[in-house]
Amino acid sequence: LKEAIQSLHDAPGLDVLVSGPVPPFPTEMLSSQPM
């Protein structure tokens, strides 16, 4: 999580976790234990 988070220089205190590569099964991934 720390490696995937990106910060915005223009907005201090706001970090962004983008979606990343598009997976084949998004629903299963969002309902998984890692999530």
PDB file of all heavy atoms in Angstrom:
ATOM      1  N   LEU A   1       0.827  -1.195   0.000  1.00  0.00           N
ATOM      2  CA  LEU A   1       0.000   0.000   0.000  1.00  0.00           C
ATOM      3  C   LEU A   1       0.865   1.250   0.000  1.00  0.00           C
ATOM      4  O   LEU A   1       0.577   2.210  -0.715  1.00  0.00           O
ATOM      5  CB  LEU A   1      -0.921  -0.008   1.228  1.00  0.00           C
ATOM      6  CG  LEU A   1      -1.823   1.213   1.403  1.00  0.00           C
ATOM      7  CD1 LEU A   1      -2.758   1.351   0.206  1.00  0.00           C
ATOM      8  CD2 LEU A   1      -2.623   1.102   2.702  1.00  0.00           C
ATOM      9  N   LYS A   2       1.951   1.217   0.750  1.00  0.00           N
ATOM     10  CA  LYS A   2       2.813   2.387   0.825  1.00  0.00           C
ATOM     11  C   LYS A   2       3.475   2.660  -0.515  1.00  0.00           C
ATOM     12  O   LYS A   2       3.649   3.809  -0.921  1.00  0.00           O
ATOM     13  CB  LYS A   2       3.866   2.171   1.915  1.00  0.00           C
ATOM     14  CG  LYS A   2       4.738   3.389   2.181  1.00  0.00           C
ATOM     15  CD  LYS A   2       5.693   3.121   3.332  1.00  0.00           C
ATOM     16  CE  LYS A   2       6.558   4.342   3.623  1.00  0.00           C
ATOM     17  NZ  LYS A   2       7.490   4.114   4.747  1.00  0.00           N
ATOM     18  N   GLU A   3       3.828   1.582  -1.227  1.00  0.00           N
ATOM     19  CA  GLU A   3       4.469   1.753  -2.531  1.00  0.00           C
ATOM     20  C   GLU A   3       3.470   2.235  -3.590  1.00  0.00           C
ATOM     21  O   GLU A   3       3.869   2.958  -4.520  1.00  0.00           O
ATOM     22  CB  GLU A   3       5.079   0.425  -2.978  1.00  0.00           C
ATOM     23  CG  GLU A   3       6.229  -0.048  -2.090  1.00  0.00           C
ATOM     24  CD  GLU A   3       6.686  -1.445  -2.458  1.00  0.00           C
ATOM     25  OE1 GLU A   3       5.959  -2.118  -3.251  1.00  0.00           O
ATOM     26  OE2 GLU A   3       7.738  -1.883  -1.954  1.00  0.00           O
ATOM     27  N   ALA A   4       2.207   1.882  -3.457  1.00  0.00           N
ATOM     28  CA  ALA A   4       1.221   2.237  -4.486  1.00  0.00           C
ATOM     29  C   ALA A   4       0.644   3.626  -4.288  1.00  0.00           C
ATOM     30  O   ALA A   4       0.124   4.221  -5.247  1.00  0.00           O
ATOM     31  CB  ALA A   4       0.078   1.218  -4.497  1.00  0.00           C
ATOM     32  N   ILE A   5       0.721   4.170  -3.105  1.00  0.00           N
ATOM     33  CA  ILE A   5       0.127   5.479  -2.844  1.00  0.00           C
ATOM     34  C   ILE A   5       0.984   6.563  -3.481  1.00  0.00           C
ATOM     35  O   ILE A   5       2.216   6.548  -3.395  1.00  0.00           O
ATOM     36  CB  ILE A   5      -0.017   5.713  -1.341  1.00  0.00           C
ATOM     37  CG1 ILE A   5      -1.125   4.804  -0.775  1.00  0.00           C
ATOM     38  CG2 ILE A   5      -0.347   7.171  -1.039  1.00  0.00           C
ATOM     39  CD1 ILE A   5      -1.273   4.901   0.715  1.00  0.00           C
ATOM     40  N   GLN A   6       0.290   7.554  -4.110  1.00  0.00           N
ATOM     41  CA  GLN A   6       0.951   8.698  -4.720  1.00  0.00           C
ATOM     42  C   GLN A   6       0.423   9.969  -4.055  1.00  0.00           C
ATOM     43  O   GLN A   6      -0.749  10.060  -3.701  1.00  0.00           O
ATOM     44  CB  GLN A   6       0.680   8.758  -6.227  1.00  0.00           C
ATOM     45  CG  GLN A   6       1.105   7.486  -6.968  1.00  0.00           C
ATOM     46  CD  GLN A   6       0.816   7.568  -8.448  1.00  0.00           C
ATOM     47  OE1 GLN A   6       1.225   8.529  -9.104  1.00  0.00           O
ATOM     48  NE2 GLN A   6       0.119   6.566  -8.970  1.00  0.00           N
ATOM     49  N   SER A   7       1.274  10.934  -3.888  1.00  0.00           N
ATOM     50  CA  SER A   7       0.914  12.191  -3.234  1.00  0.00           C
ATOM     51  C   SER A   7       0.787  13.296  -4.271  1.00  0.00           C
ATOM     52  O   SER A   7       1.391  13.244  -5.357  1.00  0.00           O
ATOM     53  CB  SER A   7       1.970  12.582  -2.185  1.00  0.00           C
ATOM     54  OG  SER A   7       2.069  11.580  -1.194  1.00  0.00           O
ATOM     55  N   LEU A   8       0.000  14.303  -3.911  1.00  0.00           N
ATOM     56  CA  LEU A   8      -0.189  15.475  -4.763  1.00  0.00           C
ATOM     57  C   LEU A   8       0.529  16.654  -4.128  1.00  0.00           C
ATOM     58  O   LEU A   8       0.271  17.013  -2.968  1.00  0.00           O
ATOM     59  CB  LEU A   8      -1.681  15.792  -4.924  1.00  0.00           C
ATOM     60  CG  LEU A   8      -2.532  14.770  -5.705  1.00  0.00           C
ATOM     61  CD1 LEU A   8      -3.994  15.207  -5.724  1.00  0.00           C
ATOM     62  CD2 LEU A   8      -2.012  14.624  -7.127  1.00  0.00           C
ATOM     63  N   HIS A   9       1.429  17.254  -4.891  1.00  0.00           N
ATOM     64  CA  HIS A   9       2.180  18.403  -4.370  1.00  0.00           C
ATOM     65  C   HIS A   9       1.258  19.598  -4.150  1.00  0.00           C
ATOM     66  O   HIS A   9       1.465  20.379  -3.207  1.00  0.00           O
ATOM     67  CB  HIS A   9       3.306  18.770  -5.348  1.00  0.00           C
ATOM     68  CG  HIS A   9       4.048  20.011  -4.966  1.00  0.00           C
ATOM     69  ND1 HIS A   9       4.919  20.074  -3.877  1.00  0.00           N
ATOM     70  CD2 HIS A   9       4.032  21.283  -5.503  1.00  0.00           C
ATOM     71  CE1 HIS A   9       5.400  21.296  -3.764  1.00  0.00           C
ATOM     72  NE2 HIS A   9       4.880  22.055  -4.755  1.00  0.00           N
ATOM     73  N   ASP A  10       0.243  19.737  -5.015  1.00  0.00           N
ATOM     74  CA  ASP A  10      -0.655  20.895  -4.910  1.00  0.00           C
ATOM     75  C   ASP A  10      -1.718  20.722  -3.831  1.00  0.00           C
ATOM     76  O   ASP A  10      -2.419  21.694  -3.518  1.00  0.00           O
ATOM     77  CB  ASP A  10      -1.366  21.118  -6.246  1.00  0.00           C
ATOM     78  CG  ASP A  10      -0.375  21.482  -7.350  1.00  0.00           C
ATOM     79  OD1 ASP A  10       0.615  22.172  -7.047  1.00  0.00           O
ATOM     80  OD2 ASP A  10      -0.606  21.068  -8.507  1.00  0.00           O
ATOM     81  N   ALA A  11      -1.854  19.525  -3.277  1.00  0.00           N
ATOM     82  CA  ALA A  11      -2.864  19.283  -2.247  1.00  0.00           C
ATOM     83  C   ALA A  11      -2.226  18.540  -1.092  1.00  0.00           C
ATOM     84  O   ALA A  11      -2.284  17.302  -1.022  1.00  0.00           O
ATOM     85  CB  ALA A  11      -4.033  18.491  -2.817  1.00  0.00           C
ATOM     86  N   PRO A  12      -1.580  19.250  -0.166  1.00  0.00           N
ATOM     87  CA  PRO A  12      -0.957  18.592   0.976  1.00  0.00           C
ATOM     88  C   PRO A  12      -2.006  17.852   1.810  1.00  0.00           C
ATOM     89  O   PRO A  12      -3.133  18.327   2.000  1.00  0.00           O
ATOM     90  CB  PRO A  12      -0.348  19.755   1.760  1.00  0.00           C
ATOM     91  CG  PRO A  12      -0.233  20.883   0.782  1.00  0.00           C
ATOM     92  CD  PRO A  12      -1.341  20.711  -0.179  1.00  0.00           C
ATOM     93  N   GLY A  13      -1.648  16.703   2.321  1.00  0.00           N
ATOM     94  CA  GLY A  13      -2.525  15.895   3.155  1.00  0.00           C
ATOM     95  C   GLY A  13      -3.411  14.959   2.354  1.00  0.00           C
ATOM     96  O   GLY A  13      -4.127  14.137   2.943  1.00  0.00           O
ATOM     97  N   LEU A  14      -3.394  15.047   1.024  1.00  0.00           N
ATOM     98  CA  LEU A  14      -4.230  14.202   0.184  1.00  0.00           C
ATOM     99  C   LEU A  14      -3.348  13.200  -0.553  1.00  0.00           C
ATOM    100  O   LEU A  14      -2.449  13.595  -1.319  1.00  0.00           O
ATOM    101  CB  LEU A  14      -5.024  15.040  -0.824  1.00  0.00           C
ATOM    102  CG  LEU A  14      -5.867  14.256  -1.826  1.00  0.00           C
ATOM    103  CD1 LEU A  14      -6.922  13.412  -1.108  1.00  0.00           C
ATOM    104  CD2 LEU A  14      -6.528  15.200  -2.836  1.00  0.00           C
ATOM    105  N   ASP A  15      -3.547  11.919  -0.313  1.00  0.00           N
ATOM    106  CA  ASP A  15      -2.876  10.846  -1.029  1.00  0.00           C
ATOM    107  C   ASP A  15      -3.880  10.156  -1.938  1.00  0.00           C
ATOM    108  O   ASP A  15      -5.086  10.088  -1.642  1.00  0.00           O
ATOM    109  CB  ASP A  15      -2.270   9.829  -0.056  1.00  0.00           C
ATOM    110  CG  ASP A  15      -1.148  10.452   0.784  1.00  0.00           C
ATOM    111  OD1 ASP A  15      -0.575  11.464   0.332  1.00  0.00           O
ATOM    112  OD2 ASP A  15      -0.917   9.952   1.893  1.00  0.00           O
ATOM    113  N   VAL A  16      -3.332   9.593  -3.037  1.00  0.00           N
ATOM    114  CA  VAL A  16      -4.201   8.988  -4.051  1.00  0.00           C
ATOM    115  C   VAL A  16      -3.723   7.572  -4.310  1.00  0.00           C
ATOM    116  O   VAL A  16      -2.517   7.339  -4.507  1.00  0.00           O
ATOM    117  CB  VAL A  16      -4.203   9.799  -5.358  1.00  0.00           C
ATOM    118  CG1 VAL A  16      -5.120   9.139  -6.386  1.00  0.00           C
ATOM    119  CG2 VAL A  16      -4.612  11.237  -5.103  1.00  0.00           C
ATOM    120  N   LEU A  17      -4.695   6.627  -4.324  1.00  0.00           N
ATOM    121  CA  LEU A  17      -4.415   5.247  -4.715  1.00  0.00           C
ATOM    122  C   LEU A  17      -5.206   4.997  -5.995  1.00  0.00           C
ATOM    123  O   LEU A  17      -6.428   4.818  -5.970  1.00  0.00           O
ATOM    124  CB  LEU A  17      -4.853   4.267  -3.622  1.00  0.00           C
ATOM    125  CG  LEU A  17      -4.654   2.780  -3.937  1.00  0.00           C
ATOM    126  CD1 LEU A  17      -3.160   2.454  -4.161  1.00  0.00           C
ATOM    127  CD2 LEU A  17      -5.225   1.904  -2.816  1.00  0.00           C
ATOM    128  N   VAL A  18      -4.445   5.051  -7.110  1.00  0.00           N
ATOM    129  CA  VAL A  18      -5.111   4.867  -8.406  1.00  0.00           C
ATOM    130  C   VAL A  18      -5.515   3.405  -8.566  1.00  0.00           C
ATOM    131  O   VAL A  18      -5.152   2.536  -7.755  1.00  0.00           O
ATOM    132  CB  VAL A  18      -4.210   5.335  -9.555  1.00  0.00           C
ATOM    133  CG1 VAL A  18      -3.870   6.823  -9.402  1.00  0.00           C
ATOM    134  CG2 VAL A  18      -2.921   4.518  -9.590  1.00  0.00           C
ATOM    135  N   SER A  19      -6.265   3.112  -9.648  1.00  0.00           N
ATOM    136  CA  SER A  19      -6.798   1.758  -9.817  1.00  0.00           C
ATOM    137  C   SER A  19      -5.732   0.760 -10.218  1.00  0.00           C
ATOM    138  O   SER A  19      -5.813  -0.427  -9.882  1.00  0.00           O
ATOM    139  CB  SER A  19      -7.905   1.767 -10.878  1.00  0.00           C
ATOM    140  OG  SER A  19      -7.370   2.162 -12.139  1.00  0.00           O
ATOM    141  N   GLY A  20      -4.727   1.206 -10.959  1.00  0.00           N
ATOM    142  CA  GLY A  20      -3.713   0.276 -11.430  1.00  0.00           C
ATOM    143  C   GLY A  20      -4.160  -0.445 -12.691  1.00  0.00           C
ATOM    144  O   GLY A  20      -5.153  -0.055 -13.345  1.00  0.00           O
ATOM    145  N   PRO A  21      -3.468  -1.491 -13.050  1.00  0.00           N
ATOM    146  CA  PRO A  21      -3.845  -2.232 -14.259  1.00  0.00           C
ATOM    147  C   PRO A  21      -5.268  -2.795 -14.132  1.00  0.00           C
ATOM    148  O   PRO A  21      -5.698  -3.211 -13.065  1.00  0.00           O
ATOM    149  CB  PRO A  21      -2.804  -3.355 -14.327  1.00  0.00           C
ATOM    150  CG  PRO A  21      -1.643  -2.860 -13.534  1.00  0.00           C
ATOM    151  CD  PRO A  21      -2.224  -2.020 -12.438  1.00  0.00           C
ATOM    152  N   VAL A  22      -5.984  -2.803 -15.251  1.00  0.00           N
ATOM    153  CA  VAL A  22      -7.371  -3.286 -15.254  1.00  0.00           C
ATOM    154  C   VAL A  22      -7.367  -4.805 -15.123  1.00  0.00           C
ATOM    155  O   VAL A  22      -6.784  -5.501 -15.955  1.00  0.00           O
ATOM    156  CB  VAL A  22      -8.097  -2.858 -16.538  1.00  0.00           C
ATOM    157  CG1 VAL A  22      -9.517  -3.414 -16.556  1.00  0.00           C
ATOM    158  CG2 VAL A  22      -8.096  -1.333 -16.663  1.00  0.00           C
ATOM    159  N   PRO A  23      -8.025  -5.366 -14.095  1.00  0.00           N
ATOM    160  CA  PRO A  23      -8.018  -6.812 -13.857  1.00  0.00           C
ATOM    161  C   PRO A  23      -9.124  -7.499 -14.674  1.00  0.00           C
ATOM    162  O   PRO A  23     -10.081  -6.865 -15.127  1.00  0.00           O
ATOM    163  CB  PRO A  23      -8.304  -6.926 -12.372  1.00  0.00           C
ATOM    164  CG  PRO A  23      -9.164  -5.736 -12.083  1.00  0.00           C
ATOM    165  CD  PRO A  23      -8.694  -4.636 -12.988  1.00  0.00           C
ATOM    166  N   PRO A  24      -9.059  -8.813 -14.826  1.00  0.00           N
ATOM    167  CA  PRO A  24     -10.114  -9.523 -15.575  1.00  0.00           C
ATOM    168  C   PRO A  24     -11.397  -9.712 -14.752  1.00  0.00           C
ATOM    169  O   PRO A  24     -12.474  -9.806 -15.322  1.00  0.00           O
ATOM    170  CB  PRO A  24      -9.471 -10.865 -15.903  1.00  0.00           C
ATOM    171  CG  PRO A  24      -8.431 -11.063 -14.851  1.00  0.00           C
ATOM    172  CD  PRO A  24      -7.915  -9.697 -14.504  1.00  0.00           C
ATOM    173  N   PHE A  25     -11.252  -9.772 -13.416  1.00  0.00           N
ATOM    174  CA  PHE A  25     -12.425 -10.005 -12.560  1.00  0.00           C
ATOM    175  C   PHE A  25     -12.461  -8.948 -11.460  1.00  0.00           C
ATOM    176  O   PHE A  25     -12.052  -9.205 -10.317  1.00  0.00           O
ATOM    177  CB  PHE A  25     -12.382 -11.401 -11.943  1.00  0.00           C
ATOM    178  CG  PHE A  25     -12.239 -12.499 -12.965  1.00  0.00           C
ATOM    179  CD1 PHE A  25     -11.025 -13.164 -13.136  1.00  0.00           C
ATOM    180  CD2 PHE A  25     -13.331 -12.850 -13.756  1.00  0.00           C
ATOM    181  CE1 PHE A  25     -10.904 -14.158 -14.075  1.00  0.00           C
ATOM    182  CE2 PHE A  25     -13.202 -13.855 -14.699  1.00  0.00           C
ATOM    183  CZ  PHE A  25     -11.998 -14.517 -14.879  1.00  0.00           C
ATOM    184  N   PRO A  26     -12.974  -7.757 -11.762  1.00  0.00           N
ATOM    185  CA  PRO A  26     -12.936  -6.674 -10.763  1.00  0.00           C
ATOM    186  C   PRO A  26     -13.793  -6.968  -9.539  1.00  0.00           C
ATOM    187  O   PRO A  26     -13.380  -6.668  -8.411  1.00  0.00           O
ATOM    188  CB  PRO A  26     -13.474  -5.473 -11.541  1.00  0.00           C
ATOM    189  CG  PRO A  26     -13.293  -5.819 -12.973  1.00  0.00           C
ATOM    190  CD  PRO A  26     -13.456  -7.297 -13.073  1.00  0.00           C
ATOM    191  N   THR A  27     -14.952  -7.547  -9.718  1.00  0.00           N
ATOM    192  CA  THR A  27     -15.860  -7.752  -8.583  1.00  0.00           C
ATOM    193  C   THR A  27     -15.254  -8.702  -7.566  1.00  0.00           C
ATOM    194  O   THR A  27     -15.304  -8.463  -6.348  1.00  0.00           O
ATOM    195  CB  THR A  27     -17.203  -8.292  -9.085  1.00  0.00           C
ATOM    196  OG1 THR A  27     -17.738  -7.407 -10.073  1.00  0.00           O
ATOM    197  CG2 THR A  27     -18.191  -8.435  -7.951  1.00  0.00           C
ATOM    198  N   GLU A  28     -14.699  -9.807  -8.060  1.00  0.00           N
ATOM    199  CA  GLU A  28     -14.085 -10.776  -7.160  1.00  0.00           C
ATOM    200  C   GLU A  28     -12.901 -10.174  -6.416  1.00  0.00           C
ATOM    201  O   GLU A  28     -12.668 -10.464  -5.228  1.00  0.00           O
ATOM    202  CB  GLU A  28     -13.634 -12.001  -7.941  1.00  0.00           C
ATOM    203  CG  GLU A  28     -14.759 -12.899  -8.423  1.00  0.00           C
ATOM    204  CD  GLU A  28     -15.478 -12.305  -9.628  1.00  0.00           C
ATOM    205  OE1 GLU A  28     -15.015 -11.264 -10.126  1.00  0.00           O
ATOM    206  OE2 GLU A  28     -16.509 -12.874 -10.054  1.00  0.00           O
ATOM    207  N   MET A  29     -12.189  -9.287  -7.098  1.00  0.00           N
ATOM    208  CA  MET A  29     -11.019  -8.685  -6.457  1.00  0.00           C
ATOM    209  C   MET A  29     -11.444  -7.701  -5.368  1.00  0.00           C
ATOM    210  O   MET A  29     -10.827  -7.654  -4.289  1.00  0.00           O
ATOM    211  CB  MET A  29     -10.168  -7.980  -7.529  1.00  0.00           C
ATOM    212  CG  MET A  29      -8.858  -7.416  -7.008  1.00  0.00           C
ATOM    213  SD  MET A  29      -7.775  -6.869  -8.344  1.00  0.00           S
ATOM    214  CE  MET A  29      -7.312  -8.438  -9.063  1.00  0.00           C
ATOM    215  N   LEU A  30     -12.501  -6.944  -5.611  1.00  0.00           N
ATOM    216  CA  LEU A  30     -12.950  -5.980  -4.619  1.00  0.00           C
ATOM    217  C   LEU A  30     -13.603  -6.650  -3.415  1.00  0.00           C
ATOM    218  O   LEU A  30     -13.633  -6.077  -2.324  1.00  0.00           O
ATOM    219  CB  LEU A  30     -13.940  -4.996  -5.257  1.00  0.00           C
ATOM    220  CG  LEU A  30     -13.356  -4.043  -6.307  1.00  0.00           C
ATOM    221  CD1 LEU A  30     -14.451  -3.211  -6.952  1.00  0.00           C
ATOM    222  CD2 LEU A  30     -12.299  -3.126  -5.683  1.00  0.00           C
ATOM    223  N   SER A  31     -14.141  -7.834  -3.603  1.00  0.00           N
ATOM    224  CA  SER A  31     -14.769  -8.546  -2.488  1.00  0.00           C
ATOM    225  C   SER A  31     -13.826  -9.535  -1.814  1.00  0.00           C
ATOM    226  O   SER A  31     -14.254 -10.309  -0.956  1.00  0.00           O
ATOM    227  CB  SER A  31     -16.004  -9.303  -3.007  1.00  0.00           C
ATOM    228  OG  SER A  31     -15.626 -10.245  -4.014  1.00  0.00           O
ATOM    229  N   SER A  32     -12.534  -9.493  -2.154  1.00  0.00           N
ATOM    230  CA  SER A  32     -11.562 -10.453  -1.600  1.00  0.00           C
ATOM    231  C   SER A  32     -11.083 -10.015  -0.219  1.00  0.00           C
ATOM    232  O   SER A  32     -11.322  -8.879   0.209  1.00  0.00           O
ATOM    233  CB  SER A  32     -10.373 -10.585  -2.550  1.00  0.00           C
ATOM    234  OG  SER A  32      -9.713  -9.339  -2.675  1.00  0.00           O
ATOM    235  N   GLN A  33     -10.371 -10.908   0.421  1.00  0.00           N
ATOM    236  CA  GLN A  33      -9.817 -10.628   1.754  1.00  0.00           C
ATOM    237  C   GLN A  33      -8.719  -9.581   1.707  1.00  0.00           C
ATOM    238  O   GLN A  33      -8.633  -8.729   2.604  1.00  0.00           O
ATOM    239  CB  GLN A  33      -9.276 -11.931   2.370  1.00  0.00           C
ATOM    240  CG  GLN A  33      -8.859 -11.801   3.826  1.00  0.00           C
ATOM    241  CD  GLN A  33     -10.050 -11.514   4.735  1.00  0.00           C
ATOM    242  OE1 GLN A  33     -11.171 -11.864   4.410  1.00  0.00           O
ATOM    243  NE2 GLN A  33      -9.795 -10.866   5.868  1.00  0.00           N
ATOM    244  N   PRO A  34      -7.871  -9.574   0.659  1.00  0.00           N
ATOM    245  CA  PRO A  34      -6.856  -8.508   0.593  1.00  0.00           C
ATOM    246  C   PRO A  34      -7.468  -7.117   0.571  1.00  0.00           C
ATOM    247  O   PRO A  34      -6.874  -6.177   1.104  1.00  0.00           O
ATOM    248  CB  PRO A  34      -6.113  -8.827  -0.702  1.00  0.00           C
ATOM    249  CG  PRO A  34      -6.255 -10.292  -0.862  1.00  0.00           C
ATOM    250  CD  PRO A  34      -7.619 -10.612  -0.352  1.00  0.00           C
ATOM    251  N   MET A  35      -8.642  -6.966  -0.021  1.00  0.00           N
ATOM    252  CA  MET A  35      -9.276  -5.642  -0.056  1.00  0.00           C
ATOM    253  C   MET A  35      -9.685  -5.221   1.348  1.00  0.00           C
ATOM    254  O   MET A  35      -9.532  -4.053   1.728  1.00  0.00           O
ATOM    255  CB  MET A  35     -10.506  -5.675  -0.977  1.00  0.00           C
ATOM    256  CG  MET A  35     -11.214  -4.345  -1.106  1.00  0.00           C
ATOM    257  SD  MET A  35     -10.154  -3.106  -1.908  1.00  0.00           S
ATOM    258  CE  MET A  35     -11.183  -1.645  -1.768  1.00  0.00           C
TER     259      MET A  35
END
